Amino acid sequence: MRKRIDVEIISDKWAPSDAAYREKGVLFDSGKVISIDDIGGLSVYELAYMKSDNLAVVEESKAIDYGRDLLINLILGGK
């Protein structure tokens, strides 16, 4: 399953703890989230939890280092 979602990013480095910073993204069955910022930059995270049906929460400190193969595998198979 792939699902289009809003992504709320929690960070203790660049935002106050009560600030909600959101991007658009895709949630995969594997619990991975691709987040896309306003200028098209991609980040990959492990899902922390779902705040609602269409709002995923991720932690900036748990971003996944990714390469071309991971992105292709997510797009093709969601893993």
C-alpha atoms as a PDB file:
ATOM      1  CA  MET A   1       0.000   0.000   0.000  1.00  0.00           C
ATOM      2  CA  ARG A   2       1.094   3.510  -0.758  1.00  0.00           C
ATOM      3  CA  LYS A   3      -0.846   6.394   0.686  1.00  0.00           C
ATOM      4  CA  ARG A   4      -0.530  10.130   0.082  1.00  0.00           C
ATOM      5  CA  ILE A   5      -0.273  11.935   3.415  1.00  0.00           C
ATOM      6  CA  ASP A   6       0.792  15.072   5.199  1.00  0.00           C
ATOM      7  CA  VAL A   7       4.001  14.601   7.174  1.00  0.00           C
ATOM      8  CA  GLU A   8       4.618  16.385  10.464  1.00  0.00           C
ATOM      9  CA  ILE A   9       8.312  16.532  11.289  1.00  0.00           C
ATOM     10  CA  ILE A  10       9.452  16.739  14.905  1.00  0.00           C
ATOM     11  CA  SER A  11      12.892  18.250  15.411  1.00  0.00           C
ATOM     12  CA  ASP A  12      14.777  19.479  18.431  1.00  0.00           C
ATOM     13  CA  LYS A  13      17.467  21.047  16.224  1.00  0.00           C
ATOM     14  CA  TRP A  14      15.693  23.561  14.017  1.00  0.00           C
ATOM     15  CA  ALA A  15      12.234  24.075  15.477  1.00  0.00           C
ATOM     16  CA  PRO A  16      10.730  24.731  18.902  1.00  0.00           C
ATOM     17  CA  SER A  17       9.351  21.534  20.411  1.00  0.00           C
ATOM     18  CA  ASP A  18       5.789  22.816  20.082  1.00  0.00           C
ATOM     19  CA  ALA A  19       6.172  23.905  16.435  1.00  0.00           C
ATOM     20  CA  ALA A  20       4.463  21.823  13.769  1.00  0.00           C
ATOM     21  CA  TYR A  21       6.363  21.725  10.486  1.00  0.00           C
ATOM     22  CA  ARG A  22       4.591  19.849   7.704  1.00  0.00           C
ATOM     23  CA  GLU A  23       5.427  18.582   4.258  1.00  0.00           C
ATOM     24  CA  LYS A  24       3.630  16.348   1.746  1.00  0.00           C
ATOM     25  CA  GLY A  25       4.591  12.734   1.428  1.00  0.00           C
ATOM     26  CA  VAL A  26       3.886   9.071   0.868  1.00  0.00           C
ATOM     27  CA  LEU A  27       3.453   6.380   3.527  1.00  0.00           C
ATOM     28  CA  PHE A  28       4.397   2.775   2.707  1.00  0.00           C
ATOM     29  CA  ASP A  29       3.278  -0.491   4.352  1.00  0.00           C
ATOM     30  CA  SER A  30       6.856  -0.990   5.510  1.00  0.00           C
ATOM     31  CA  GLY A  31       6.525   2.043   7.807  1.00  0.00           C
ATOM     32  CA  LYS A  32       8.795   4.171   5.676  1.00  0.00           C
ATOM     33  CA  VAL A  33       7.758   7.701   4.752  1.00  0.00           C
ATOM     34  CA  ILE A  34       9.024   9.771   1.839  1.00  0.00           C
ATOM     35  CA  SER A  35       8.619  13.456   2.620  1.00  0.00           C
ATOM     36  CA  ILE A  36       8.839  16.127  -0.083  1.00  0.00           C
ATOM     37  CA  ASP A  37       9.492  19.766   0.780  1.00  0.00           C
ATOM     38  CA  ASP A  38       8.269  22.828  -1.118  1.00  0.00           C
ATOM     39  CA  ILE A  39      11.241  22.852  -3.495  1.00  0.00           C
ATOM     40  CA  GLY A  40      11.174  19.117  -4.252  1.00  0.00           C
ATOM     41  CA  GLY A  41      13.790  17.881  -1.783  1.00  0.00           C
ATOM     42  CA  LEU A  42      13.244  14.321  -0.577  1.00  0.00           C
ATOM     43  CA  SER A  43      13.777  12.820   2.851  1.00  0.00           C
ATOM     44  CA  VAL A  44      13.060   9.265   3.991  1.00  0.00           C
ATOM     45  CA  TYR A  45      11.980   8.482   7.559  1.00  0.00           C
ATOM     46  CA  GLU A  46      10.649   5.640   9.658  1.00  0.00           C
ATOM     47  CA  LEU A  47       7.087   6.366  10.767  1.00  0.00           C
ATOM     48  CA  ALA A  48       6.883   7.383  14.433  1.00  0.00           C
ATOM     49  CA  TYR A  49       3.072   7.282  14.604  1.00  0.00           C
ATOM     50  CA  MET A  50      -0.086   8.342  12.800  1.00  0.00           C
ATOM     51  CA  LYS A  51      -1.766  11.429  14.236  1.00  0.00           C
ATOM     52  CA  SER A  52      -4.817  10.861  12.010  1.00  0.00           C
ATOM     53  CA  ASP A  53      -5.690   8.891   8.872  1.00  0.00           C
ATOM     54  CA  ASN A  54      -3.790  11.343   6.677  1.00  0.00           C
ATOM     55  CA  LEU A  55      -1.181  12.796   9.043  1.00  0.00           C
ATOM     56  CA  ALA A  56       2.032  10.886   9.756  1.00  0.00           C
ATOM     57  CA  VAL A  57       4.513  12.018  12.391  1.00  0.00           C
ATOM     58  CA  VAL A  58       8.245  11.432  11.919  1.00  0.00           C
ATOM     59  CA  GLU A  59      11.315  12.435  13.898  1.00  0.00           C
ATOM     60  CA  GLU A  60      13.998  14.409  12.079  1.00  0.00           C
ATOM     61  CA  SER A  61      16.686  12.646  14.101  1.00  0.00           C
ATOM     62  CA  LYS A  62      15.553   9.300  12.659  1.00  0.00           C
ATOM     63  CA  ALA A  63      15.901  10.194   8.990  1.00  0.00           C
ATOM     64  CA  ILE A  64      17.159   7.297   6.883  1.00  0.00           C
ATOM     65  CA  ASP A  65      20.231   7.656   4.715  1.00  0.00           C
ATOM     66  CA  TYR A  66      18.992   6.560   1.341  1.00  0.00           C
ATOM     67  CA  GLY A  67      20.318   5.846  -2.089  1.00  0.00           C
ATOM     68  CA  ARG A  68      18.878   5.303  -5.496  1.00  0.00           C
ATOM     69  CA  ASP A  69      18.081   1.622  -4.837  1.00  0.00           C
ATOM     70  CA  LEU A  70      15.987   2.337  -1.733  1.00  0.00           C
ATOM     71  CA  LEU A  71      13.936   4.958  -3.575  1.00  0.00           C
ATOM     72  CA  ILE A  72      13.362   2.654  -6.544  1.00  0.00           C
ATOM     73  CA  ASN A  73      12.344  -0.227  -4.258  1.00  0.00           C
ATOM     74  CA  LEU A  74       9.901   2.006  -2.368  1.00  0.00           C
ATOM     75  CA  ILE A  75       8.354   3.300  -5.561  1.00  0.00           C
ATOM     76  CA  LEU A  76       8.043  -0.135  -7.156  1.00  0.00           C
ATOM     77  CA  GLY A  77       7.247  -2.320  -4.188  1.00  0.00           C
ATOM     78  CA  GLY A  78       6.716  -0.198  -1.125  1.00  0.00           C
ATOM     79  CA  LYS A  79       9.513  -1.918   0.829  1.00  0.00           C
END
